[in-house]
């Protein structure tokens, strides 16, 4: 499973906000056909939303863990019944995760400067 920094995860969450769910997991649960469809969607889009029709949170968390471990993807977000998953595709490379620029040469504020604010 890939690992993301907090800033990278925030950027992916922002991109995923406008997406519609690409795959729905129904009452049958996480089957081989569903995993194959998720894999195809990740290959085409890199970042997808998945809607799960299960009411138990631990079951949804287990599904997210299974998806990420079997498909070598990274969990980005789990809110309610929506899962957001990311897997980079080196051939497609649609999503570029930029690193935030660091401010070079700036010193931290002193206590006196902080107190005057």
N, C-alpha and C. Protein backbone atom coordinates (compact mmCIF):
# COMPACT_ATOMS: atom_id res chain seq x y z
N UNK A 1 0.84 -1.17 0.00
CA UNK A 1 0.00 0.00 0.00
C UNK A 1 0.89 1.25 0.00
N UNK A 2 0.51 2.23 -0.77
CA UNK A 2 1.25 3.48 -0.85
C UNK A 2 1.00 4.33 0.38
N UNK A 3 1.90 5.26 0.63
CA UNK A 3 1.69 6.18 1.73
C UNK A 3 1.71 7.61 1.19
N UNK A 4 0.85 8.45 1.76
CA UNK A 4 0.74 9.85 1.34
C UNK A 4 1.00 10.75 2.54
N UNK A 5 1.52 11.93 2.25
CA UNK A 5 1.66 12.92 3.30
C UNK A 5 0.31 13.58 3.54
N UNK A 6 0.22 14.36 4.58
CA UNK A 6 -1.03 15.03 4.90
C UNK A 6 -1.41 16.02 3.80
N UNK A 7 -0.44 16.75 3.28
CA UNK A 7 -0.73 17.73 2.23
C UNK A 7 -1.17 17.05 0.94
N UNK A 8 -0.56 15.93 0.60
CA UNK A 8 -0.97 15.19 -0.59
C UNK A 8 -2.39 14.66 -0.43
N UNK A 9 -2.69 14.16 0.76
CA UNK A 9 -4.04 13.66 1.02
C UNK A 9 -5.07 14.78 0.92
N UNK A 10 -4.73 15.98 1.41
CA UNK A 10 -5.64 17.12 1.31
C UNK A 10 -5.89 17.50 -0.14
N UNK A 11 -4.85 17.48 -0.96
CA UNK A 11 -5.01 17.81 -2.37
C UNK A 11 -5.91 16.79 -3.07
N UNK A 12 -5.73 15.52 -2.74
CA UNK A 12 -6.57 14.48 -3.35
C UNK A 12 -8.01 14.58 -2.88
N UNK A 13 -8.23 14.92 -1.62
CA UNK A 13 -9.59 15.13 -1.12
C UNK A 13 -10.28 16.27 -1.87
N UNK A 14 -9.53 17.33 -2.11
CA UNK A 14 -10.09 18.48 -2.83
C UNK A 14 -10.46 18.09 -4.25
N UNK A 15 -9.64 17.29 -4.90
CA UNK A 15 -9.95 16.85 -6.26
C UNK A 15 -11.14 15.89 -6.28
N UNK A 16 -11.26 15.07 -5.26
CA UNK A 16 -12.32 14.06 -5.22
C UNK A 16 -13.68 14.65 -4.87
N UNK A 17 -13.70 15.85 -4.33
CA UNK A 17 -14.96 16.45 -3.89
C UNK A 17 -15.98 16.52 -5.02
N UNK A 18 -15.57 16.86 -6.20
CA UNK A 18 -16.50 17.04 -7.32
C UNK A 18 -16.81 15.75 -8.06
N UNK A 19 -16.16 14.66 -7.71
CA UNK A 19 -16.36 13.39 -8.42
C UNK A 19 -17.67 12.72 -8.00
N UNK A 20 -18.24 11.97 -8.94
CA UNK A 20 -19.37 11.11 -8.64
C UNK A 20 -18.83 9.70 -8.40
N UNK A 21 -19.54 8.87 -7.62
CA UNK A 21 -19.06 7.51 -7.39
C UNK A 21 -18.95 6.72 -8.70
N UNK A 22 -17.79 6.12 -8.92
CA UNK A 22 -17.55 5.36 -10.14
C UNK A 22 -18.00 3.92 -10.00
N UNK A 23 -17.95 3.39 -8.78
CA UNK A 23 -18.30 1.99 -8.51
C UNK A 23 -19.21 1.96 -7.29
N UNK A 24 -20.20 1.05 -7.33
CA UNK A 24 -21.09 0.85 -6.19
C UNK A 24 -20.95 -0.60 -5.73
N UNK A 25 -20.79 -0.77 -4.42
CA UNK A 25 -20.72 -2.10 -3.84
C UNK A 25 -22.07 -2.37 -3.19
N UNK A 26 -22.78 -3.36 -3.70
CA UNK A 26 -24.14 -3.64 -3.24
C UNK A 26 -24.19 -4.60 -2.07
N UNK A 27 -25.33 -5.26 -1.94
CA UNK A 27 -25.55 -6.18 -0.83
C UNK A 27 -24.70 -7.44 -0.92
N UNK A 28 -24.25 -7.80 -2.11
CA UNK A 28 -23.41 -9.00 -2.27
C UNK A 28 -22.03 -8.79 -1.69
N UNK A 29 -21.65 -7.56 -1.46
CA UNK A 29 -20.35 -7.28 -0.86
C UNK A 29 -19.25 -7.13 -1.89
N UNK A 30 -18.05 -7.32 -1.43
CA UNK A 30 -16.86 -7.13 -2.26
C UNK A 30 -16.53 -8.43 -2.98
N UNK A 31 -17.00 -8.55 -4.22
CA UNK A 31 -16.77 -9.77 -5.01
C UNK A 31 -15.60 -9.54 -5.96
N UNK A 32 -15.21 -10.60 -6.65
CA UNK A 32 -14.12 -10.50 -7.62
C UNK A 32 -14.48 -9.56 -8.77
N UNK A 33 -15.74 -9.58 -9.18
CA UNK A 33 -16.18 -8.69 -10.28
C UNK A 33 -16.09 -7.23 -9.85
N UNK A 34 -16.45 -6.95 -8.62
CA UNK A 34 -16.38 -5.57 -8.12
C UNK A 34 -14.92 -5.13 -8.02
N UNK A 35 -14.04 -6.00 -7.52
CA UNK A 35 -12.62 -5.67 -7.45
C UNK A 35 -12.04 -5.41 -8.83
N UNK A 36 -12.47 -6.19 -9.81
CA UNK A 36 -11.99 -5.99 -11.18
C UNK A 36 -12.46 -4.64 -11.73
N UNK A 37 -13.70 -4.28 -11.44
CA UNK A 37 -14.23 -2.99 -11.90
C UNK A 37 -13.52 -1.83 -11.22
N UNK A 38 -13.23 -1.97 -9.94
CA UNK A 38 -12.49 -0.93 -9.22
C UNK A 38 -11.09 -0.78 -9.81
N UNK A 39 -10.45 -1.90 -10.12
CA UNK A 39 -9.12 -1.87 -10.71
C UNK A 39 -9.12 -1.17 -12.08
N UNK A 40 -10.12 -1.48 -12.89
CA UNK A 40 -10.23 -0.82 -14.20
C UNK A 40 -10.48 0.68 -14.05
N UNK A 41 -11.31 1.05 -13.10
CA UNK A 41 -11.59 2.48 -12.89
C UNK A 41 -10.35 3.21 -12.38
N UNK A 42 -9.60 2.57 -11.49
CA UNK A 42 -8.36 3.19 -11.01
C UNK A 42 -7.33 3.33 -12.12
N UNK A 43 -7.29 2.36 -13.01
CA UNK A 43 -6.35 2.42 -14.12
C UNK A 43 -6.70 3.57 -15.06
N UNK A 44 -7.99 3.84 -15.23
CA UNK A 44 -8.43 4.89 -16.14
C UNK A 44 -8.40 6.28 -15.50
N UNK A 45 -8.70 6.37 -14.20
CA UNK A 45 -8.89 7.68 -13.59
C UNK A 45 -7.91 8.03 -12.47
N UNK A 46 -7.25 7.07 -11.89
CA UNK A 46 -6.31 7.21 -10.78
C UNK A 46 -6.99 7.53 -9.44
N UNK A 47 -8.02 8.33 -9.41
CA UNK A 47 -8.71 8.72 -8.19
C UNK A 47 -10.20 8.48 -8.39
N UNK A 48 -10.78 7.64 -7.54
CA UNK A 48 -12.21 7.32 -7.71
C UNK A 48 -12.93 7.35 -6.36
N UNK A 49 -14.25 7.50 -6.47
CA UNK A 49 -15.13 7.38 -5.32
C UNK A 49 -15.88 6.06 -5.45
N UNK A 50 -16.09 5.41 -4.31
CA UNK A 50 -16.82 4.15 -4.26
C UNK A 50 -17.94 4.30 -3.25
N UNK A 51 -19.16 3.93 -3.65
CA UNK A 51 -20.30 3.98 -2.73
C UNK A 51 -20.56 2.56 -2.24
N UNK A 52 -20.68 2.42 -0.92
CA UNK A 52 -20.92 1.11 -0.30
C UNK A 52 -22.32 1.11 0.29
N UNK A 53 -23.10 0.09 -0.03
CA UNK A 53 -24.48 0.00 0.44
C UNK A 53 -24.60 -0.81 1.73
N UNK A 54 -23.57 -0.79 2.56
CA UNK A 54 -23.58 -1.52 3.82
C UNK A 54 -23.73 -0.52 4.96
N UNK A 55 -24.52 -0.87 5.97
CA UNK A 55 -24.79 0.06 7.06
C UNK A 55 -23.76 0.01 8.18
N UNK A 56 -22.98 -1.06 8.29
CA UNK A 56 -22.02 -1.17 9.39
C UNK A 56 -20.68 -0.57 9.03
N UNK A 57 -20.23 0.37 9.85
CA UNK A 57 -18.96 1.04 9.61
C UNK A 57 -17.77 0.08 9.63
N UNK A 58 -17.68 -0.85 10.58
CA UNK A 58 -16.53 -1.77 10.56
C UNK A 58 -16.45 -2.59 9.27
N UNK A 59 -17.59 -2.95 8.71
CA UNK A 59 -17.59 -3.70 7.44
C UNK A 59 -17.06 -2.83 6.30
N UNK A 60 -17.45 -1.55 6.30
CA UNK A 60 -16.95 -0.64 5.26
C UNK A 60 -15.46 -0.42 5.40
N UNK A 61 -14.98 -0.29 6.65
CA UNK A 61 -13.54 -0.12 6.87
C UNK A 61 -12.77 -1.35 6.41
N UNK A 62 -13.33 -2.53 6.65
CA UNK A 62 -12.69 -3.77 6.20
C UNK A 62 -12.64 -3.83 4.68
N UNK A 63 -13.72 -3.38 4.02
CA UNK A 63 -13.74 -3.35 2.55
C UNK A 63 -12.67 -2.41 2.02
N UNK A 64 -12.55 -1.24 2.63
CA UNK A 64 -11.55 -0.27 2.19
C UNK A 64 -10.15 -0.85 2.34
N UNK A 65 -9.89 -1.51 3.45
CA UNK A 65 -8.58 -2.12 3.68
C UNK A 65 -8.30 -3.23 2.67
N UNK A 66 -9.32 -4.03 2.36
CA UNK A 66 -9.16 -5.10 1.37
C UNK A 66 -8.90 -4.55 -0.01
N UNK A 67 -9.65 -3.52 -0.39
CA UNK A 67 -9.45 -2.91 -1.71
C UNK A 67 -8.03 -2.37 -1.84
N UNK A 68 -7.59 -1.66 -0.83
CA UNK A 68 -6.26 -1.03 -0.90
C UNK A 68 -5.15 -2.06 -0.88
N UNK A 69 -5.29 -3.11 -0.11
CA UNK A 69 -4.22 -4.11 -0.04
C UNK A 69 -4.16 -4.97 -1.31
N UNK A 70 -5.31 -5.35 -1.86
CA UNK A 70 -5.31 -6.21 -3.03
C UNK A 70 -4.97 -5.47 -4.32
N UNK A 71 -5.33 -4.18 -4.40
CA UNK A 71 -5.12 -3.43 -5.63
C UNK A 71 -3.94 -2.47 -5.55
N UNK A 72 -3.18 -2.52 -4.45
CA UNK A 72 -2.02 -1.65 -4.25
C UNK A 72 -2.40 -0.18 -4.41
N UNK A 73 -3.46 0.19 -3.71
CA UNK A 73 -3.96 1.57 -3.76
C UNK A 73 -3.82 2.20 -2.38
N UNK A 74 -4.18 3.47 -2.30
CA UNK A 74 -4.09 4.21 -1.05
C UNK A 74 -5.46 4.75 -0.67
N UNK A 75 -5.88 4.55 0.59
CA UNK A 75 -7.14 5.18 1.02
C UNK A 75 -6.93 6.67 1.21
N UNK A 76 -7.82 7.46 0.67
CA UNK A 76 -7.73 8.91 0.80
C UNK A 76 -8.74 9.39 1.83
N UNK A 77 -9.96 8.87 1.76
CA UNK A 77 -11.02 9.39 2.62
C UNK A 77 -12.10 8.33 2.80
N UNK A 78 -12.74 8.34 3.97
CA UNK A 78 -13.87 7.47 4.25
C UNK A 78 -14.87 8.30 5.04
N UNK A 79 -15.90 8.75 4.35
CA UNK A 79 -16.94 9.54 4.99
C UNK A 79 -18.27 8.86 4.72
N UNK A 80 -18.91 8.41 5.77
CA UNK A 80 -20.19 7.73 5.62
C UNK A 80 -20.06 6.50 4.75
N UNK A 81 -20.85 6.45 3.70
CA UNK A 81 -20.83 5.30 2.80
C UNK A 81 -19.97 5.54 1.56
N UNK A 82 -19.20 6.60 1.57
CA UNK A 82 -18.35 6.95 0.42
C UNK A 82 -16.89 6.69 0.77
N UNK A 83 -16.21 5.96 -0.10
CA UNK A 83 -14.78 5.69 0.03
C UNK A 83 -14.07 6.37 -1.14
N UNK A 84 -12.94 7.00 -0.88
CA UNK A 84 -12.12 7.61 -1.93
C UNK A 84 -10.79 6.88 -1.94
N UNK A 85 -10.41 6.39 -3.14
CA UNK A 85 -9.21 5.58 -3.28
C UNK A 85 -8.34 6.16 -4.40
N UNK A 86 -7.03 6.11 -4.20
CA UNK A 86 -6.08 6.65 -5.19
C UNK A 86 -5.02 5.61 -5.49
N UNK A 87 -4.74 5.43 -6.78
CA UNK A 87 -3.62 4.60 -7.22
C UNK A 87 -3.00 5.27 -8.45
N UNK A 88 -1.75 5.71 -8.35
CA UNK A 88 -1.13 6.39 -9.50
C UNK A 88 -0.90 5.42 -10.65
N UNK A 89 -1.10 5.93 -11.85
CA UNK A 89 -0.85 5.17 -13.07
C UNK A 89 0.30 5.85 -13.80
N UNK A 90 1.49 5.25 -13.83
CA UNK A 90 2.64 5.93 -14.44
C UNK A 90 2.45 6.19 -15.93
N UNK A 91 1.66 5.37 -16.61
CA UNK A 91 1.42 5.59 -18.05
C UNK A 91 0.50 6.78 -18.28
N UNK A 92 -0.54 6.88 -17.50
CA UNK A 92 -1.53 7.94 -17.67
C UNK A 92 -1.09 9.22 -16.97
N UNK A 93 -0.78 9.13 -15.71
CA UNK A 93 -0.31 10.24 -14.87
C UNK A 93 -1.17 11.49 -15.03
N UNK A 94 -2.49 11.31 -14.81
CA UNK A 94 -3.43 12.42 -14.90
C UNK A 94 -3.29 13.39 -13.74
N UNK A 95 -3.11 12.86 -12.55
CA UNK A 95 -3.10 13.67 -11.34
C UNK A 95 -1.67 13.89 -10.90
N UNK A 96 -1.30 15.15 -10.81
CA UNK A 96 0.02 15.49 -10.33
C UNK A 96 -0.12 16.07 -8.93
N UNK A 97 0.50 15.41 -7.99
CA UNK A 97 0.46 15.88 -6.61
C UNK A 97 1.68 16.77 -6.40
N UNK A 98 1.41 18.05 -6.25
CA UNK A 98 2.50 19.00 -6.07
C UNK A 98 2.87 19.11 -4.61
N UNK A 99 4.13 19.34 -4.38
CA UNK A 99 4.58 19.60 -3.03
C UNK A 99 4.45 21.08 -2.76
N UNK A 100 4.06 21.39 -1.56
CA UNK A 100 3.91 22.79 -1.18
C UNK A 100 5.29 23.42 -1.05
N UNK A 101 5.47 24.63 -1.60
CA UNK A 101 6.78 25.27 -1.51
C UNK A 101 7.11 25.66 -0.07
N UNK A 102 8.36 25.53 0.27
CA UNK A 102 8.82 25.92 1.59
C UNK A 102 9.35 27.34 1.52
N UNK A 103 9.15 28.10 2.55
CA UNK A 103 9.67 29.45 2.62
C UNK A 103 11.10 29.39 3.12
N UNK A 104 12.02 29.73 2.26
CA UNK A 104 13.43 29.66 2.64
C UNK A 104 13.87 30.99 3.22
N UNK A 105 14.69 30.91 4.23
CA UNK A 105 15.28 32.10 4.79
C UNK A 105 14.41 32.84 5.79
N UNK A 106 13.19 32.44 5.99
CA UNK A 106 12.33 33.13 6.95
C UNK A 106 12.56 32.54 8.33
N UNK A 107 12.64 33.41 9.29
CA UNK A 107 12.84 32.99 10.67
C UNK A 107 11.49 32.94 11.37
N UNK A 108 11.35 32.08 12.35
CA UNK A 108 10.09 32.06 13.10
C UNK A 108 9.93 33.35 13.91
N UNK A 109 8.67 33.70 14.19
CA UNK A 109 8.39 34.92 14.94
C UNK A 109 8.83 34.76 16.39
N UNK A 110 9.28 35.86 16.98
CA UNK A 110 9.68 35.86 18.38
C UNK A 110 8.44 36.02 19.26
N UNK A 111 8.60 35.86 20.56
CA UNK A 111 7.50 36.01 21.48
C UNK A 111 6.94 37.44 21.47
N UNK A 112 7.83 38.40 21.33
CA UNK A 112 7.40 39.80 21.30
C UNK A 112 6.56 40.06 20.04
N UNK A 113 6.99 39.51 18.90
CA UNK A 113 6.24 39.70 17.67
C UNK A 113 4.88 38.99 17.75
N UNK A 114 4.86 37.83 18.35
CA UNK A 114 3.60 37.11 18.49
C UNK A 114 2.66 37.83 19.44
N UNK A 115 3.20 38.44 20.48
CA UNK A 115 2.38 39.14 21.45
C UNK A 115 1.76 40.41 20.91
N UNK A 116 2.37 41.03 19.92
CA UNK A 116 1.83 42.28 19.38
C UNK A 116 0.74 42.04 18.34
N UNK A 117 0.48 40.83 18.01
CA UNK A 117 -0.56 40.53 17.01
C UNK A 117 -1.91 40.50 17.58
